[in-house]
Full PDB file with SEQRES, HELIX, SHEET, SSBOND, CRYST1, ORIGX, SCALE, CONECT and MASTER records, all heavy atoms in Angstrom:
SEQRES   1 A   36  SER THR PRO HIS GLN PRO SER PRO GLU PRO GLN ALA ARG          
SEQRES   2 A   36  ARG ALA SER GLN LEU PRO ASP ASP VAL PRO VAL HIS ASP          
SEQRES   3 A   36  ASP PRO GLU ARG HIS LEU PRO GLU HIS HIS                      
HELIX    1 AA1 GLU A    9  GLN A   17  1                                   9    
CRYST1    1.000    1.000    1.000  90.00  90.00  90.00 P 1           1          
ORIGX1      1.000000  0.000000  0.000000        0.00000                         
ORIGX2      0.000000  1.000000  0.000000        0.00000                         
ORIGX3      0.000000  0.000000  1.000000        0.00000                         
SCALE1      1.000000  0.000000  0.000000        0.00000                         
SCALE2      0.000000  1.000000  0.000000        0.00000                         
SCALE3      0.000000  0.000000  1.000000        0.00000                         
ATOM      1  N   SER A   1      51.027 137.063 145.855  1.00  0.00           N  
ATOM      2  CA  SER A   1      51.089 137.132 144.443  1.00  0.00           C  
ATOM      3  C   SER A   1      52.522 137.178 143.982  1.00  0.00           C  
ATOM      4  O   SER A   1      53.447 137.501 144.742  1.00  0.00           O  
ATOM      5  CB  SER A   1      50.432 138.495 143.989  1.00  0.00           C  
ATOM      6  OG  SER A   1      51.060 139.558 144.532  1.00  0.00           O  
ATOM      7  N   THR A   2      52.731 136.733 142.759  1.00  0.00           N  
ATOM      8  CA  THR A   2      54.078 136.614 142.223  1.00  0.00           C  
ATOM      9  C   THR A   2      54.427 138.101 141.600  1.00  0.00           C  
ATOM     10  O   THR A   2      53.595 138.837 141.375  1.00  0.00           O  
ATOM     11  CB  THR A   2      54.085 135.581 141.052  1.00  0.00           C  
ATOM     12  OG1 THR A   2      53.244 136.045 139.969  1.00  0.00           O  
ATOM     13  CG2 THR A   2      53.696 134.212 141.583  1.00  0.00           C  
ATOM     14  N   PRO A   3      55.727 138.232 141.335  1.00  0.00           N  
ATOM     15  CA  PRO A   3      56.093 139.490 140.877  1.00  0.00           C  
ATOM     16  C   PRO A   3      55.550 139.934 139.516  1.00  0.00           C  
ATOM     17  O   PRO A   3      55.350 141.093 139.145  1.00  0.00           O  
ATOM     18  CB  PRO A   3      57.580 139.497 140.789  1.00  0.00           C  
ATOM     19  CG  PRO A   3      58.004 138.299 141.461  1.00  0.00           C  
ATOM     20  CD  PRO A   3      56.861 137.418 141.719  1.00  0.00           C  
ATOM     21  N   HIS A   4      55.135 138.884 138.676  1.00  0.00           N  
ATOM     22  CA  HIS A   4      54.561 139.143 137.343  1.00  0.00           C  
ATOM     23  C   HIS A   4      53.104 139.303 137.325  1.00  0.00           C  
ATOM     24  O   HIS A   4      52.458 139.749 136.341  1.00  0.00           O  
ATOM     25  CB  HIS A   4      55.006 138.058 136.418  1.00  0.00           C  
ATOM     26  CG  HIS A   4      56.540 137.899 136.259  1.00  0.00           C  
ATOM     27  ND1 HIS A   4      57.275 138.821 135.601  1.00  0.00           N  
ATOM     28  CD2 HIS A   4      57.399 136.970 136.681  1.00  0.00           C  
ATOM     29  CE1 HIS A   4      58.470 138.530 135.722  1.00  0.00           C  
ATOM     30  NE2 HIS A   4      58.603 137.361 136.333  1.00  0.00           N  
ATOM     31  N   GLN A   5      52.432 139.004 138.451  1.00  0.00           N  
ATOM     32  CA  GLN A   5      50.954 139.105 138.521  1.00  0.00           C  
ATOM     33  C   GLN A   5      50.607 140.204 139.555  1.00  0.00           C  
ATOM     34  O   GLN A   5      51.040 140.185 140.688  1.00  0.00           O  
ATOM     35  CB  GLN A   5      50.361 137.824 138.939  1.00  0.00           C  
ATOM     36  CG  GLN A   5      50.518 136.678 137.871  1.00  0.00           C  
ATOM     37  CD  GLN A   5      49.976 135.399 138.361  1.00  0.00           C  
ATOM     38  OE1 GLN A   5      49.639 135.254 139.592  1.00  0.00           O  
ATOM     39  NE2 GLN A   5      49.849 134.440 137.507  1.00  0.00           N  
ATOM     40  N   PRO A   6      49.803 141.160 139.091  1.00  0.00           N  
ATOM     41  CA  PRO A   6      49.438 142.280 140.102  1.00  0.00           C  
ATOM     42  C   PRO A   6      48.527 141.683 141.101  1.00  0.00           C  
ATOM     43  O   PRO A   6      47.736 140.885 140.867  1.00  0.00           O  
ATOM     44  CB  PRO A   6      48.771 143.308 139.207  1.00  0.00           C  
ATOM     45  CG  PRO A   6      48.343 142.604 138.004  1.00  0.00           C  
ATOM     46  CD  PRO A   6      49.299 141.475 137.776  1.00  0.00           C  
ATOM     47  N   SER A   7      48.667 142.252 142.288  1.00  0.00           N  
ATOM     48  CA  SER A   7      47.777 141.907 143.430  1.00  0.00           C  
ATOM     49  C   SER A   7      46.408 142.417 143.183  1.00  0.00           C  
ATOM     50  O   SER A   7      46.294 143.512 142.712  1.00  0.00           O  
ATOM     51  CB  SER A   7      48.449 142.459 144.676  1.00  0.00           C  
ATOM     52  OG  SER A   7      47.564 142.199 145.736  1.00  0.00           O  
ATOM     53  N   PRO A   8      45.392 141.668 143.530  1.00  0.00           N  
ATOM     54  CA  PRO A   8      43.950 142.214 143.386  1.00  0.00           C  
ATOM     55  C   PRO A   8      43.612 143.297 144.396  1.00  0.00           C  
ATOM     56  O   PRO A   8      42.623 143.991 144.205  1.00  0.00           O  
ATOM     57  CB  PRO A   8      43.163 140.892 143.539  1.00  0.00           C  
ATOM     58  CG  PRO A   8      43.929 140.035 144.332  1.00  0.00           C  
ATOM     59  CD  PRO A   8      45.313 140.363 144.000  1.00  0.00           C  
ATOM     60  N   GLU A   9      44.427 143.368 145.491  1.00  0.00           N  
ATOM     61  CA  GLU A   9      44.034 144.335 146.499  1.00  0.00           C  
ATOM     62  C   GLU A   9      43.926 145.799 146.044  1.00  0.00           C  
ATOM     63  O   GLU A   9      42.968 146.477 146.409  1.00  0.00           O  
ATOM     64  CB  GLU A   9      44.999 144.179 147.684  1.00  0.00           C  
ATOM     65  CG  GLU A   9      44.847 142.947 148.457  1.00  0.00           C  
ATOM     66  CD  GLU A   9      45.865 141.883 147.933  1.00  0.00           C  
ATOM     67  OE1 GLU A   9      46.810 142.252 147.277  1.00  0.00           O  
ATOM     68  OE2 GLU A   9      45.599 140.730 148.200  1.00  0.00           O  
ATOM     69  N   PRO A  10      44.958 146.243 145.187  1.00  0.00           N  
ATOM     70  CA  PRO A  10      44.790 147.661 144.857  1.00  0.00           C  
ATOM     71  C   PRO A  10      43.539 147.998 144.094  1.00  0.00           C  
ATOM     72  O   PRO A  10      42.959 149.052 144.272  1.00  0.00           O  
ATOM     73  CB  PRO A  10      46.078 147.914 143.970  1.00  0.00           C  
ATOM     74  CG  PRO A  10      46.973 146.899 144.480  1.00  0.00           C  
ATOM     75  CD  PRO A  10      46.122 145.692 144.778  1.00  0.00           C  
ATOM     76  N   GLN A  11      43.078 147.093 143.187  1.00  0.00           N  
ATOM     77  CA  GLN A  11      41.848 147.281 142.426  1.00  0.00           C  
ATOM     78  C   GLN A  11      40.634 147.341 143.354  1.00  0.00           C  
ATOM     79  O   GLN A  11      39.791 148.297 143.214  1.00  0.00           O  
ATOM     80  CB  GLN A  11      41.601 146.190 141.373  1.00  0.00           C  
ATOM     81  CG  GLN A  11      40.436 146.385 140.470  1.00  0.00           C  
ATOM     82  CD  GLN A  11      40.457 147.510 139.547  1.00  0.00           C  
ATOM     83  OE1 GLN A  11      41.571 147.850 139.078  1.00  0.00           O  
ATOM     84  NE2 GLN A  11      39.398 148.046 139.153  1.00  0.00           N  
ATOM     85  N   ALA A  12      40.563 146.487 144.254  1.00  0.00           N  
ATOM     86  CA  ALA A  12      39.510 146.512 145.315  1.00  0.00           C  
ATOM     87  C   ALA A  12      39.553 147.735 146.135  1.00  0.00           C  
ATOM     88  O   ALA A  12      38.426 148.369 146.369  1.00  0.00           O  
ATOM     89  CB  ALA A  12      39.476 145.206 146.136  1.00  0.00           C  
ATOM     90  N   ARG A  13      40.687 148.142 146.486  1.00  0.00           N  
ATOM     91  CA  ARG A  13      40.786 149.334 147.315  1.00  0.00           C  
ATOM     92  C   ARG A  13      40.362 150.590 146.545  1.00  0.00           C  
ATOM     93  O   ARG A  13      39.685 151.438 147.069  1.00  0.00           O  
ATOM     94  CB  ARG A  13      42.290 149.526 147.864  1.00  0.00           C  
ATOM     95  CG  ARG A  13      42.450 150.429 148.891  1.00  0.00           C  
ATOM     96  CD  ARG A  13      43.845 150.438 149.454  1.00  0.00           C  
ATOM     97  NE  ARG A  13      44.722 149.961 148.282  1.00  0.00           N  
ATOM     98  CZ  ARG A  13      45.868 149.290 148.536  1.00  0.00           C  
ATOM     99  NH1 ARG A  13      46.255 148.992 149.705  1.00  0.00           N  
ATOM    100  NH2 ARG A  13      46.590 148.965 147.531  1.00  0.00           N  
ATOM    101  N   ARG A  14      40.778 150.715 145.390  1.00  0.00           N  
ATOM    102  CA  ARG A  14      40.410 151.766 144.508  1.00  0.00           C  
ATOM    103  C   ARG A  14      38.883 151.809 144.292  1.00  0.00           C  
ATOM    104  O   ARG A  14      38.248 152.753 144.367  1.00  0.00           O  
ATOM    105  CB  ARG A  14      41.067 151.783 143.130  1.00  0.00           C  
ATOM    106  CG  ARG A  14      42.494 152.351 143.165  1.00  0.00           C  
ATOM    107  CD  ARG A  14      43.099 152.471 141.861  1.00  0.00           C  
ATOM    108  NE  ARG A  14      43.106 151.048 141.420  1.00  0.00           N  
ATOM    109  CZ  ARG A  14      43.881 150.526 140.538  1.00  0.00           C  
ATOM    110  NH1 ARG A  14      44.717 151.316 139.934  1.00  0.00           N  
ATOM    111  NH2 ARG A  14      43.903 149.255 140.153  1.00  0.00           N  
ATOM    112  N   ALA A  15      38.294 150.652 144.028  1.00  0.00           N  
ATOM    113  CA  ALA A  15      36.868 150.559 143.807  1.00  0.00           C  
ATOM    114  C   ALA A  15      36.096 151.020 145.101  1.00  0.00           C  
ATOM    115  O   ALA A  15      35.042 151.726 144.993  1.00  0.00           O  
ATOM    116  CB  ALA A  15      36.431 149.145 143.422  1.00  0.00           C  
ATOM    117  N   SER A  16      36.573 150.700 146.239  1.00  0.00           N  
ATOM    118  CA  SER A  16      35.887 151.080 147.439  1.00  0.00           C  
ATOM    119  C   SER A  16      35.953 152.630 147.731  1.00  0.00           C  
ATOM    120  O   SER A  16      35.203 153.164 148.474  1.00  0.00           O  
ATOM    121  CB  SER A  16      36.349 150.313 148.604  1.00  0.00           C  
ATOM    122  OG  SER A  16      37.719 150.590 148.917  1.00  0.00           O  
ATOM    123  N   GLN A  17      36.995 153.267 147.144  1.00  0.00           N  
ATOM    124  CA  GLN A  17      37.222 154.673 147.389  1.00  0.00           C  
ATOM    125  C   GLN A  17      36.415 155.541 146.415  1.00  0.00           C  
ATOM    126  O   GLN A  17      36.275 156.751 146.608  1.00  0.00           O  
ATOM    127  CB  GLN A  17      38.729 154.965 147.275  1.00  0.00           C  
ATOM    128  CG  GLN A  17      39.455 154.364 148.384  1.00  0.00           C  
ATOM    129  CD  GLN A  17      41.002 154.508 148.166  1.00  0.00           C  
ATOM    130  OE1 GLN A  17      41.412 154.900 147.165  1.00  0.00           O  
ATOM    131  NE2 GLN A  17      41.728 154.113 149.230  1.00  0.00           N  
ATOM    132  N   LEU A  18      35.952 154.955 145.390  1.00  0.00           N  
ATOM    133  CA  LEU A  18      35.195 155.699 144.252  1.00  0.00           C  
ATOM    134  C   LEU A  18      33.713 155.896 144.714  1.00  0.00           C  
ATOM    135  O   LEU A  18      33.135 154.998 145.328  1.00  0.00           O  
ATOM    136  CB  LEU A  18      35.258 155.042 142.938  1.00  0.00           C  
ATOM    137  CG  LEU A  18      36.733 155.059 142.363  1.00  0.00           C  
ATOM    138  CD1 LEU A  18      36.694 154.110 141.092  1.00  0.00           C  
ATOM    139  CD2 LEU A  18      37.230 156.386 142.020  1.00  0.00           C  
ATOM    140  N   PRO A  19      33.089 156.904 144.262  1.00  0.00           N  
ATOM    141  CA  PRO A  19      31.622 157.044 144.383  1.00  0.00           C  
ATOM    142  C   PRO A  19      30.887 155.897 143.676  1.00  0.00           C  
ATOM    143  O   PRO A  19      31.481 155.364 142.749  1.00  0.00           O  
ATOM    144  CB  PRO A  19      31.347 158.376 143.828  1.00  0.00           C  
ATOM    145  CG  PRO A  19      32.615 159.147 143.726  1.00  0.00           C  
ATOM    146  CD  PRO A  19      33.648 158.090 143.600  1.00  0.00           C  
ATOM    147  N   ASP A  20      29.706 155.669 144.035  1.00  0.00           N  
ATOM    148  CA  ASP A  20      28.964 154.577 143.460  1.00  0.00           C  
ATOM    149  C   ASP A  20      28.605 154.830 141.977  1.00  0.00           C  
ATOM    150  O   ASP A  20      28.499 153.763 141.300  1.00  0.00           O  
ATOM    151  CB  ASP A  20      27.567 154.379 144.224  1.00  0.00           C  
ATOM    152  CG  ASP A  20      27.796 153.906 145.659  1.00  0.00           C  
ATOM    153  OD1 ASP A  20      28.833 153.230 145.886  1.00  0.00           O  
ATOM    154  OD2 ASP A  20      26.945 154.099 146.469  1.00  0.00           O  
ATOM    155  N   ASP A  21      28.491 155.982 141.474  1.00  0.00           N  
ATOM    156  CA  ASP A  21      28.174 156.201 140.079  1.00  0.00           C  
ATOM    157  C   ASP A  21      29.410 156.150 139.263  1.00  0.00           C  
ATOM    158  O   ASP A  21      29.222 156.337 137.972  1.00  0.00           O  
ATOM    159  CB  ASP A  21      27.515 157.569 139.960  1.00  0.00           C  
ATOM    160  CG  ASP A  21      28.382 158.756 140.276  1.00  0.00           C  
ATOM    161  OD1 ASP A  21      29.313 158.551 140.981  1.00  0.00           O  
ATOM    162  OD2 ASP A  21      28.063 159.806 139.750  1.00  0.00           O  
ATOM    163  N   VAL A  22      30.572 155.895 139.745  1.00  0.00           N  
ATOM    164  CA  VAL A  22      31.817 155.731 138.948  1.00  0.00           C  
ATOM    165  C   VAL A  22      32.242 154.284 138.848  1.00  0.00           C  
ATOM    166  O   VAL A  22      32.494 153.625 139.743  1.00  0.00           O  
ATOM    167  CB  VAL A  22      32.980 156.554 139.599  1.00  0.00           C  
ATOM    168  CG1 VAL A  22      34.252 156.375 138.753  1.00  0.00           C  
ATOM    169  CG2 VAL A  22      32.663 158.009 139.723  1.00  0.00           C  
ATOM    170  N   PRO A  23      32.088 153.800 137.488  1.00  0.00           N  
ATOM    171  CA  PRO A  23      32.438 152.331 137.312  1.00  0.00           C  
ATOM    172  C   PRO A  23      33.922 152.135 137.497  1.00  0.00           C  
ATOM    173  O   PRO A  23      34.772 152.945 137.205  1.00  0.00           O  
ATOM    174  CB  PRO A  23      31.872 152.043 135.902  1.00  0.00           C  
ATOM    175  CG  PRO A  23      32.004 153.405 135.267  1.00  0.00           C  
ATOM    176  CD  PRO A  23      31.649 154.417 136.311  1.00  0.00           C  
ATOM    177  N   VAL A  24      34.254 150.956 137.889  1.00  0.00           N  
ATOM    178  CA  VAL A  24      35.667 150.605 138.002  1.00  0.00           C  
ATOM    179  C   VAL A  24      36.065 149.844 136.700  1.00  0.00           C  
ATOM    180  O   VAL A  24      35.446 148.930 136.251  1.00  0.00           O  
ATOM    181  CB  VAL A  24      35.772 149.592 139.234  1.00  0.00           C  
ATOM    182  CG1 VAL A  24      37.266 149.172 139.305  1.00  0.00           C  
ATOM    183  CG2 VAL A  24      35.356 150.278 140.435  1.00  0.00           C  
ATOM    184  N   HIS A  25      37.199 150.289 136.158  1.00  0.00           N  
ATOM    185  CA  HIS A  25      37.702 149.729 134.926  1.00  0.00           C  
ATOM    186  C   HIS A  25      39.149 149.304 135.205  1.00  0.00           C  
ATOM    187  O   HIS A  25      39.785 149.735 136.132  1.00  0.00           O  
ATOM    188  CB  HIS A  25      37.680 150.780 133.787  1.00  0.00           C  
ATOM    189  CG  HIS A  25      36.306 151.301 133.458  1.00  0.00           C  
ATOM    190  ND1 HIS A  25      35.473 150.573 132.580  1.00  0.00           N  
ATOM    191  CD2 HIS A  25      35.656 152.442 133.766  1.00  0.00           C  
ATOM    192  CE1 HIS A  25      34.321 151.198 132.559  1.00  0.00           C  
ATOM    193  NE2 HIS A  25      34.398 152.347 133.105  1.00  0.00           N  
ATOM    194  N   ASP A  26      39.679 148.519 134.298  1.00  0.00           N  
ATOM    195  CA  ASP A  26      41.058 148.083 134.327  1.00  0.00           C  
ATOM    196  C   ASP A  26      41.858 149.246 133.986  1.00  0.00           C  
ATOM    197  O   ASP A  26      43.078 149.267 134.359  1.00  0.00           O  
ATOM    198  CB  ASP A  26      41.331 146.870 133.493  1.00  0.00           C  
ATOM    199  CG  ASP A  26      40.594 145.634 134.032  1.00  0.00           C  
ATOM    200  OD1 ASP A  26      40.365 145.581 135.253  1.00  0.00           O  
ATOM    201  OD2 ASP A  26      40.303 144.733 133.255  1.00  0.00           O  
ATOM    202  N   ASP A  27      41.422 150.170 133.193  1.00  0.00           N  
ATOM    203  CA  ASP A  27      42.138 151.231 132.626  1.00  0.00           C  
ATOM    204  C   ASP A  27      42.338 152.314 133.708  1.00  0.00           C  
ATOM    205  O   ASP A  27      41.363 152.947 134.169  1.00  0.00           O  
ATOM    206  CB  ASP A  27      41.489 151.859 131.486  1.00  0.00           C  
ATOM    207  CG  ASP A  27      42.241 153.085 130.821  1.00  0.00           C  
ATOM    208  OD1 ASP A  27      43.340 153.335 131.304  1.00  0.00           O  
ATOM    209  OD2 ASP A  27      41.671 153.713 129.970  1.00  0.00           O  
ATOM    210  N   PRO A  28      43.525 152.538 134.298  1.00  0.00           N  
ATOM    211  CA  PRO A  28      43.704 153.454 135.382  1.00  0.00           C  
ATOM    212  C   PRO A  28      43.373 154.958 134.952  1.00  0.00           C  
ATOM    213  O   PRO A  28      43.163 155.813 135.782  1.00  0.00           O  
ATOM    214  CB  PRO A  28      45.181 153.355 135.771  1.00  0.00           C  
ATOM    215  CG  PRO A  28      45.866 152.782 134.642  1.00  0.00           C  
ATOM    216  CD  PRO A  28      44.844 151.964 133.918  1.00  0.00           C  
ATOM    217  N   GLU A  29      43.388 155.186 133.668  1.00  0.00           N  
ATOM    218  CA  GLU A  29      43.123 156.578 133.176  1.00  0.00           C  
ATOM    219  C   GLU A  29      41.571 156.855 133.199  1.00  0.00           C  
ATOM    220  O   GLU A  29      41.170 157.958 133.028  1.00  0.00           O  
ATOM    221  CB  GLU A  29      43.698 156.841 131.866  1.00  0.00           C  
ATOM    222  CG  GLU A  29      45.283 156.746 131.844  1.00  0.00           C  
ATOM    223  CD  GLU A  29      45.844 157.826 132.690  1.00  0.00           C  
ATOM    224  OE1 GLU A  29      45.392 158.955 132.677  1.00  0.00           O  
ATOM    225  OE2 GLU A  29      46.793 157.429 133.459  1.00  0.00           O  
ATOM    226  N   ARG A  30      40.833 155.783 133.218  1.00  0.00           N  
ATOM    227  CA  ARG A  30      39.324 155.947 133.090  1.00  0.00           C  
ATOM    228  C   ARG A  30      38.791 156.184 134.462  1.00  0.00           C  
ATOM    229  O   ARG A  30      38.192 155.224 135.060  1.00  0.00           O  
ATOM    230  CB  ARG A  30      38.743 154.707 132.431  1.00  0.00           C  
ATOM    231  CG  ARG A  30      37.311 154.858 132.164  1.00  0.00           C  
ATOM    232  CD  ARG A  30      37.011 155.842 131.116  1.00  0.00           C  
ATOM    233  NE  ARG A  30      35.560 155.879 130.831  1.00  0.00           N  
ATOM    234  CZ  ARG A  30      34.838 156.894 130.609  1.00  0.00           C  
ATOM    235  NH1 ARG A  30      35.413 158.033 130.498  1.00  0.00           N  
ATOM    236  NH2 ARG A  30      33.572 156.749 130.321  1.00  0.00           N  
ATOM    237  N   HIS A  31      38.899 157.381 134.947  1.00  0.00           N  
ATOM    238  CA  HIS A  31      38.364 157.599 136.319  1.00  0.00           C  
ATOM    239  C   HIS A  31      37.182 158.492 136.324  1.00  0.00           C  
ATOM    240  O   HIS A  31      36.575 158.922 137.309  1.00  0.00           O  
ATOM    241  CB  HIS A  31      39.488 158.367 137.081  1.00  0.00           C  
ATOM    242  CG  HIS A  31      39.944 159.597 136.506  1.00  0.00           C  
ATOM    243  ND1 HIS A  31      40.931 159.619 135.444  1.00  0.00           N  
ATOM    244  CD2 HIS A  31      39.574 160.938 136.701  1.00  0.00           C  
ATOM    245  CE1 HIS A  31      41.057 160.878 135.087  1.00  0.00           C  
ATOM    246  NE2 HIS A  31      40.320 161.671 135.827  1.00  0.00           N  
ATOM    247  N   LEU A  32      36.745 158.902 135.126  1.00  0.00           N  
ATOM    248  CA  LEU A  32      35.480 159.786 134.972  1.00  0.00           C  
ATOM    249  C   LEU A  32      34.224 158.945 134.931  1.00  0.00           C  
ATOM    250  O   LEU A  32      34.203 157.791 134.445  1.00  0.00           O  
ATOM    251  CB  LEU A  32      35.629 160.558 133.728  1.00  0.00           C  
ATOM    252  CG  LEU A  32      36.881 161.543 133.676  1.00  0.00           C  
ATOM    253  CD1 LEU A  32      36.941 162.188 132.279  1.00  0.00           C  
ATOM    254  CD2 LEU A  32      36.760 162.552 134.717  1.00  0.00           C  
ATOM    255  N   PRO A  33      33.069 159.473 135.337  1.00  0.00           N  
ATOM    256  CA  PRO A  33      31.828 158.759 135.189  1.00  0.00           C  
ATOM    257  C   PRO A  33      31.548 158.525 133.670  1.00  0.00           C  
ATOM    258  O   PRO A  33      31.922 159.306 132.833  1.00  0.00           O  
ATOM    259  CB  PRO A  33      30.799 159.752 135.753  1.00  0.00           C  
ATOM    260  CG  PRO A  33      31.590 160.730 136.505  1.00  0.00           C  
ATOM    261  CD  PRO A  33      32.943 160.752 136.038  1.00  0.00           C  
ATOM    262  N   GLU A  34      30.685 157.547 133.385  1.00  0.00           N  
ATOM    263  CA  GLU A  34      30.350 157.223 132.038  1.00  0.00           C  
ATOM    264  C   GLU A  34      29.747 158.420 131.290  1.00  0.00           C  
ATOM    265  O   GLU A  34      29.904 158.587 130.153  1.00  0.00           O  
ATOM    266  CB  GLU A  34      29.359 156.034 131.980  1.00  0.00           C  
ATOM    267  CG  GLU A  34      30.050 154.693 132.345  1.00  0.00           C  
ATOM    268  CD  GLU A  34      31.003 154.222 131.303  1.00  0.00           C  
ATOM    269  OE1 GLU A  34      30.933 154.562 130.186  1.00  0.00           O  
ATOM    270  OE2 GLU A  34      31.944 153.507 131.736  1.00  0.00           O  
ATOM    271  N   HIS A  35      28.830 159.133 131.986  1.00  0.00           N  
ATOM    272  CA  HIS A  35      28.160 160.267 131.354  1.00  0.00           C  
ATOM    273  C   HIS A  35      29.078 161.435 131.026  1.00  0.00           C  
ATOM    274  O   HIS A  35      28.735 162.426 130.269  1.00  0.00           O  
ATOM    275  CB  HIS A  35      27.018 160.775 132.194  1.00  0.00           C  
ATOM    276  CG  HIS A  35      27.408 161.356 133.484  1.00  0.00           C  
ATOM    277  ND1 HIS A  35      27.653 160.629 134.589  1.00  0.00           N  
ATOM    278  CD2 HIS A  35      27.654 162.658 133.784  1.00  0.00           C  
ATOM    279  CE1 HIS A  35      28.024 161.416 135.673  1.00  0.00           C  
ATOM    280  NE2 HIS A  35      28.006 162.660 135.120  1.00  0.00           N  
ATOM    281  N   HIS A  36      30.311 161.406 131.532  1.00  0.00           N  
ATOM    282  CA  HIS A  36      31.241 162.598 131.222  1.00  0.00           C  
ATOM    283  C   HIS A  36      32.114 162.192 130.109  1.00  0.00           C  
ATOM    284  O   HIS A  36      33.061 161.435 130.219  1.00  0.00           O  
ATOM    285  CB  HIS A  36      32.078 162.843 132.500  1.00  0.00           C  
ATOM    286  CG  HIS A  36      33.093 163.943 132.250  1.00  0.00           C  
ATOM    287  ND1 HIS A  36      32.883 164.953 131.428  1.00  0.00           N  
ATOM    288  CD2 HIS A  36      34.289 164.188 132.809  1.00  0.00           C  
ATOM    289  CE1 HIS A  36      33.893 165.768 131.420  1.00  0.00           C  
ATOM    290  NE2 HIS A  36      34.790 165.313 132.271  1.00  0.00           N  
TER     291      HIS A  36                                                      
MASTER        0    0    0    1    0    0    0    6  290    1    0    3          
END                                                                             
């Protein structure tokens, strides 16, 4: 990846570390389940 484009690996890594009921969003602050 170029310096101006983020690598897709961190997003995929974070998604694999989250429980199944927690959706993955682009917003790094949105780490809570939808029902919360």
